[in-house]
Protein backbone atom coordinates (compact mmCIF):
# COMPACT_ATOMS: atom_id res chain seq x y z
CA MET A 1 -0.08 -0.08 -0.07
CA PRO A 2 1.08 3.49 -0.80
CA VAL A 3 2.03 6.06 2.15
CA SER A 4 -1.08 7.88 2.71
CA SER A 5 -1.17 11.77 1.99
CA PRO A 6 -2.88 14.08 4.56
CA SER A 7 -6.37 14.61 4.48
CA PRO A 8 -7.39 18.06 3.29
CA ALA A 9 -9.92 18.34 5.68
CA TYR A 10 -7.66 17.16 8.57
CA PRO A 11 -4.26 18.75 7.94
CA GLY A 12 -1.28 16.73 9.17
CA VAL A 13 -3.56 13.68 9.70
CA PRO A 14 -2.92 10.81 7.04
CA ALA A 15 -6.11 10.00 5.40
CA ALA A 16 -5.46 6.26 6.10
CA THR A 17 -5.81 6.81 9.82
CA LEU A 18 -9.34 8.40 9.34
CA TRP A 19 -12.65 6.58 9.52
CA SER A 20 -16.02 7.90 8.06
CA GLU A 21 -18.76 7.25 10.58
CA ILE A 22 -22.58 6.27 10.63
CA ASP A 23 -24.22 6.57 13.87
CA VAL A 24 -28.02 5.96 13.83
CA ALA A 25 -30.49 6.14 17.02
CA ALA A 26 -34.15 5.67 17.53
CA VAL A 27 -35.44 8.82 18.55
CA ARG A 28 -39.19 9.24 19.47
CA GLY A 29 -40.18 6.29 17.40
CA GLN A 30 -38.19 7.23 14.40
CA SER A 31 -34.61 6.17 13.47
CA ARG A 32 -32.52 9.12 12.84
CA LEU A 33 -28.80 9.64 11.79
CA VAL A 34 -27.48 11.41 14.94
CA SER A 35 -23.95 11.74 13.72
CA SER A 36 -21.83 11.16 10.60
CA ARG A 37 -18.45 12.06 9.09
CA SER A 38 -17.35 11.25 5.50
CA ILE A 39 -13.76 11.07 4.50
CA GLN A 40 -13.15 11.54 0.64
CA PRO A 41 -13.42 9.64 -1.31
CA LEU A 42 -16.56 8.43 0.33
CA LYS A 43 -19.76 10.62 0.54
CA LEU A 44 -22.61 9.94 2.72
CA LEU A 45 -26.38 10.91 1.55
CA ASN A 46 -29.26 10.71 4.07
CA PRO A 47 -32.47 10.99 1.87
CA ARG A 48 -35.82 11.01 3.76
CA ALA A 49 -37.27 7.57 4.58
CA ALA A 50 -40.73 6.15 5.23
CA GLY A 51 -41.64 3.75 7.94
CA GLY A 52 -39.68 5.20 10.67
CA SER A 53 -36.19 3.80 9.39
CA CYS A 54 -33.04 5.68 8.36
CA HIS A 55 -31.93 5.64 5.09
CA VAL A 56 -28.03 6.12 4.21
CA VAL A 57 -26.60 6.18 0.78
CA LEU A 58 -22.84 5.71 -0.01
CA SER A 59 -21.58 7.72 -2.86
CA SER A 60 -18.17 9.07 -4.06
CA TYR A 61 -16.96 12.35 -5.43
CA GLY A 62 -15.26 10.86 -8.49
CA GLY A 63 -17.84 8.27 -9.48
CA GLY A 64 -15.81 5.32 -8.40
CA MET A 65 -12.56 4.18 -6.63
CA LEU A 66 -9.17 5.08 -8.02
CA ALA A 67 -6.16 2.85 -7.69
CA GLY A 68 -4.93 3.50 -4.09
CA ASP A 69 -8.27 4.84 -2.70
CA ALA A 70 -9.20 3.60 0.85
CA ILE A 71 -12.67 3.88 2.20
CA ARG A 72 -12.91 3.15 5.89
CA LEU A 73 -16.31 3.17 7.42
CA ARG A 74 -17.72 2.45 10.89
CA VAL A 75 -21.51 2.04 11.09
CA ARG A 76 -23.23 1.86 14.48
CA ALA A 77 -26.96 1.28 14.90
CA GLN A 78 -28.05 1.81 18.59
CA ALA A 79 -30.78 -0.12 20.43
CA ASP A 80 -33.92 -0.57 18.45
CA ALA A 81 -32.73 1.48 15.59
CA ARG A 82 -33.57 0.48 11.87
CA LEU A 83 -31.01 1.39 9.03
CA PHE A 84 -31.08 1.02 5.28
CA LEU A 85 -27.46 1.11 3.91
CA GLY A 86 -27.09 1.31 0.12
CA THR A 87 -25.27 2.81 -2.76
CA GLN A 88 -26.16 5.58 -5.05
CA ALA A 89 -24.84 3.50 -8.06
CA SER A 90 -22.36 0.60 -8.78
CA THR A 91 -19.12 0.78 -7.22
CA LYS A 92 -16.82 1.25 -10.18
CA VAL A 93 -13.23 0.28 -9.74
CA TYR A 94 -11.03 2.03 -12.23
CA LYS A 95 -7.70 0.56 -13.64
CA SER A 96 -4.64 0.47 -11.64
CA PRO A 97 -1.49 0.98 -14.08
CA ALA A 98 0.88 1.24 -11.36
CA GLY A 99 -0.51 -2.04 -9.45
CA LEU A 100 -2.12 -0.12 -6.49
CA VAL A 101 -5.02 -1.74 -4.86
CA ALA A 102 -8.38 0.23 -4.13
CA GLU A 103 -9.89 -1.02 -0.86
CA GLN A 104 -12.96 -0.71 1.15
CA LEU A 105 -13.15 -1.60 5.03
CA VAL A 106 -16.45 -1.66 6.86
CA GLU A 107 -16.76 -2.11 10.81
CA GLY A 108 -20.52 -2.42 11.77
CA GLU A 109 -21.99 -2.60 15.35
CA LEU A 110 -25.82 -3.42 15.99
CA ALA A 111 -27.10 -2.99 19.46
CA GLU A 112 -29.87 -4.80 20.94
CA GLY A 113 -33.12 -4.88 18.88
CA ALA A 114 -31.46 -3.03 15.97
CA VAL A 115 -32.19 -3.88 12.52
CA ALA A 116 -29.77 -3.20 9.42
CA VAL A 117 -30.30 -3.91 5.83
CA VAL A 118 -27.26 -3.59 3.75
CA LEU A 119 -27.99 -3.89 0.15
CA PRO A 120 -25.59 -2.09 -2.21
CA ASP A 121 -25.45 -2.05 -6.01
CA PRO A 122 -22.69 -4.32 -7.39
CA VAL A 123 -18.97 -3.69 -7.40
CA VAL A 124 -17.77 -3.35 -10.81
CA PRO A 125 -14.03 -3.88 -11.31
CA GLN A 126 -12.77 -2.45 -14.68
CA ALA A 127 -10.19 -3.74 -16.88
CA GLY A 128 -6.80 -3.77 -15.16
CA SER A 129 -8.16 -2.80 -11.75
CA ARG A 130 -7.38 -4.14 -8.44
CA TYR A 131 -9.77 -4.22 -5.37
CA ARG A 132 -9.96 -5.45 -1.95
CA GLN A 133 -12.91 -5.32 0.56
CA ALA A 134 -13.42 -6.39 4.19
CA GLN A 135 -16.56 -6.29 6.57
CA HIS A 136 -16.83 -7.12 10.03
CA TRP A 137 -20.15 -6.93 11.52
CA GLN A 138 -21.01 -7.30 15.35
CA LEU A 139 -24.59 -8.05 16.52
CA GLN A 140 -25.92 -7.86 20.10
CA PRO A 141 -28.78 -10.33 20.99
CA GLY A 142 -32.05 -9.26 19.35
CA ALA A 143 -30.39 -7.55 16.62
CA LEU A 144 -31.20 -8.34 13.02
CA LEU A 145 -28.93 -8.15 9.85
CA LEU A 146 -29.54 -8.69 6.08
CA LEU A 147 -26.46 -8.06 4.11
CA ALA A 148 -25.96 -8.40 0.48
CA ASP A 149 -22.34 -8.68 -1.30
CA TRP A 150 -22.76 -8.17 -5.05
CA PHE A 151 -20.16 -8.67 -7.74
CA SER A 152 -19.99 -8.12 -11.47
CA ALA A 153 -17.57 -9.28 -14.23
CA GLY A 154 -16.92 -5.72 -15.44
CA ARG A 155 -18.48 -3.39 -18.06
CA THR A 156 -20.33 -6.21 -19.63
CA ASP A 157 -22.56 -4.03 -21.78
CA ALA A 158 -19.27 -2.90 -23.40
CA GLY A 159 -18.15 -6.39 -23.86
CA GLU A 160 -15.70 -6.31 -21.19
CA ARG A 161 -15.55 -9.53 -18.93
CA PHE A 162 -13.34 -10.55 -16.10
CA ALA A 163 -10.58 -8.21 -17.54
CA PHE A 164 -9.62 -6.97 -14.07
CA ASP A 165 -6.26 -7.88 -12.20
CA SER A 166 -7.69 -9.04 -8.79
CA TYR A 167 -10.79 -9.05 -6.67
CA HIS A 168 -10.66 -10.11 -2.88
CA SER A 169 -13.43 -9.88 -0.33
CA GLU A 170 -13.74 -10.93 3.18
CA LEU A 171 -16.83 -10.92 5.50
CA ARG A 172 -16.93 -11.52 9.18
CA ILE A 173 -20.38 -11.54 11.22
CA SER A 174 -20.35 -12.08 14.81
CA ARG A 175 -23.50 -12.36 17.02
CA ALA A 176 -23.15 -12.25 20.94
CA GLY A 177 -19.37 -12.17 20.80
CA ARG A 178 -19.37 -15.35 18.73
CA LEU A 179 -18.18 -15.56 15.02
CA ARG A 180 -21.04 -16.95 13.06
CA VAL A 181 -19.92 -16.17 9.51
CA LEU A 182 -16.60 -16.23 7.80
CA ASP A 183 -16.73 -15.85 4.03
CA ARG A 184 -13.39 -15.27 2.01
CA PHE A 185 -13.54 -14.96 -1.69
CA GLY A 186 -10.74 -14.09 -4.03
CA PHE A 187 -10.47 -14.39 -7.93
CA GLU A 188 -7.65 -13.36 -10.34
CA PRO A 189 -8.58 -13.87 -13.96
CA ALA A 190 -4.90 -14.30 -15.06
CA ALA A 191 -4.75 -17.28 -12.75
CA HIS A 192 -7.99 -18.82 -13.27
CA ILE A 193 -10.47 -19.55 -16.09
CA ALA A 194 -13.58 -17.59 -15.50
CA THR A 195 -15.68 -19.46 -17.88
CA SER A 196 -14.70 -22.98 -16.21
CA PRO A 197 -17.75 -24.72 -14.77
CA VAL A 198 -16.03 -24.67 -11.38
CA ASN A 199 -15.96 -20.80 -11.63
CA PHE A 200 -18.53 -18.51 -13.31
CA ARG A 201 -19.31 -20.48 -16.54
CA GLN A 202 -21.78 -18.35 -18.50
CA TYR A 203 -22.58 -16.22 -15.49
CA GLN A 204 -21.53 -12.43 -15.18
CA THR A 205 -22.83 -11.34 -12.12
CA THR A 206 -23.12 -13.21 -8.45
CA LEU A 207 -25.05 -12.07 -5.31
CA ALA A 208 -24.52 -13.47 -1.79
CA VAL A 209 -27.13 -12.52 0.81
CA TYR A 210 -26.66 -13.23 4.68
CA LEU A 211 -29.56 -13.17 7.18
CA VAL A 212 -28.09 -13.31 10.71
CA GLY A 213 -30.23 -12.85 13.86
CA THR A 214 -31.55 -14.52 17.07
CA PRO A 215 -33.04 -17.95 16.50
CA ASP A 216 -36.19 -17.45 18.37
CA ASP A 217 -36.71 -13.88 16.92
CA GLU A 218 -40.17 -14.09 15.03
CA ARG A 219 -38.60 -11.84 12.22
CA PHE A 220 -35.59 -13.74 11.65
CA GLN A 221 -37.86 -17.06 11.53
CA ARG A 222 -39.94 -15.43 8.90
CA LEU A 223 -37.57 -13.86 6.68
CA GLY A 224 -35.50 -17.27 6.85
CA ARG A 225 -38.55 -19.02 5.69
CA GLN A 226 -39.27 -16.50 3.03
CA LEU A 227 -35.79 -16.78 1.60
CA LEU A 228 -36.17 -20.53 1.49
CA ALA A 229 -39.32 -20.37 -0.40
CA LEU A 230 -37.63 -18.25 -3.07
CA GLN A 231 -36.03 -21.53 -4.54
CA MET A 232 -38.94 -23.76 -3.77
CA PRO A 233 -40.89 -24.68 -6.91
CA GLY A 234 -44.56 -24.16 -6.93
CA ARG A 235 -44.50 -21.41 -4.34
CA ARG A 236 -46.13 -17.98 -5.20
CA GLU A 237 -46.13 -16.19 -1.84
CA LEU A 238 -43.74 -13.45 -3.50
CA ASP A 239 -45.07 -13.82 -7.11
CA PHE A 240 -41.56 -14.36 -7.95
CA ARG A 241 -40.19 -16.51 -10.83
CA LEU A 242 -36.72 -16.64 -11.95
CA PRO A 243 -35.89 -16.50 -15.94
CA GLU A 244 -35.15 -20.17 -17.03
CA HIS A 245 -31.31 -20.73 -17.01
CA ALA A 246 -30.74 -17.07 -16.92
CA CYS A 247 -30.05 -17.14 -13.05
CA ILE A 248 -29.27 -20.07 -10.51
CA LEU A 249 -30.27 -19.85 -6.80
CA SER A 250 -29.69 -21.69 -3.67
CA VAL A 251 -30.67 -20.85 -0.12
CA VAL A 252 -29.63 -22.77 2.95
CA PRO A 253 -29.92 -22.47 6.84
CA ALA A 254 -25.98 -22.38 7.61
CA ARG A 255 -26.43 -22.28 11.17
CA ASP A 256 -29.50 -21.74 13.62
CA ASP A 257 -29.00 -18.06 13.31
CA VAL A 258 -27.67 -17.80 9.75
CA TYR A 259 -29.36 -18.18 6.24
CA VAL A 260 -27.29 -17.87 3.36
CA LEU A 261 -28.44 -17.14 -0.31
CA ARG A 262 -26.29 -17.21 -3.18
CA ALA A 263 -27.09 -16.40 -6.82
CA ALA A 264 -25.53 -16.14 -10.10
CA ALA A 265 -26.81 -14.59 -13.37
CA ARG A 266 -26.10 -13.66 -16.81
CA SER A 267 -26.76 -10.10 -16.40
CA ARG A 268 -28.15 -7.68 -13.79
CA LEU A 269 -31.60 -7.79 -15.62
CA ASP A 270 -31.79 -11.49 -14.89
CA LEU A 271 -31.00 -10.98 -11.39
CA GLN A 272 -33.58 -8.23 -10.94
CA PRO A 273 -36.81 -10.24 -9.99
CA LEU A 274 -34.67 -11.65 -7.02
CA LEU A 275 -33.67 -8.30 -5.96
CA ALA A 276 -37.23 -7.15 -6.12
CA ALA A 277 -38.35 -10.07 -4.00
CA LEU A 278 -35.73 -9.15 -1.45
CA MET A 279 -36.91 -5.50 -1.47
CA GLN A 280 -40.36 -6.78 -0.65
CA LEU A 281 -39.38 -8.75 2.14
CA VAL A 282 -37.56 -5.97 4.03
CA ALA A 283 -40.34 -3.65 3.42
CA ALA A 284 -42.34 -5.57 6.02
CA GLU A 285 -43.48 -3.25 8.96
CA ASP A 286 -41.48 -5.06 11.55
CA VAL A 287 -38.15 -4.73 9.40
CA LEU A 288 -38.01 -1.36 7.43
CA GLY A 289 -41.48 -0.43 6.75
CA TYR A 290 -40.92 0.69 3.30
CA ASN A 291 -39.18 -0.37 -0.01
CA PRO A 292 -35.66 1.35 -0.24
CA TRP A 293 -35.65 0.87 -4.01
CA GLU A 294 -38.96 1.95 -4.77
CA ARG A 295 -37.91 5.57 -5.71
CA LYS A 296 -34.41 4.61 -6.87
CA TYR A 297 -35.33 2.80 -10.33
């Protein structure tokens, strides 16, 4: 990693030592952003949300991440707060001519009874780019987390597919002080065959969704059943069908407090029915109380 230059907002302080921050609290029955700080290149937006939840959008000043960029974000949802955390658009990772890595680190903490839905647009590593991300979320008893990790092969509309140099991701989720999810993924097209059946075959976008909560929480139980219903033939509770052969999907109860959904699709359009179904789930009154994407697309 390069030596970090001083932050223009904090003279004399290396940018690599500074963290952007989001702190959400329940205030008179409404979840509010009570404090925030954004360090370039990250920009935080806080649009009005329905349903008593707090809506925070991650954006950037340059429309994406340049080689050597480092985003560090701490997220805290206080007791009984409800948060939706998304992105303004896809996270574009630009070419790295000098081999520098763009990285994003997220540390999240959910207090007792807090709910967080983290559903960003996909990371899109462009030709010649290098990207690394790591997330660690800690949940107290009674907290509920639904988190999506979404990755695209590149600028596929322009014919670019798996032309990046490297992509690495690590996710850790702990509940009540115990590690419940540890998921690592790395891919370097020069060292692997992207179209191999053991890798991506014909698929160009992959989505992983993690649901973590207290086993006896009715919301967690219901959401788990609804995720499982997405892949069960003949079920129509969500009025949801995947286009034949355009998308593959699996859902498993990995632990008594963890469900994992994995999907791969030929395009973002083929994945859209699944995303719409997920938004329908989190719009329930006892989760977010509204559809975060209703005004986005």
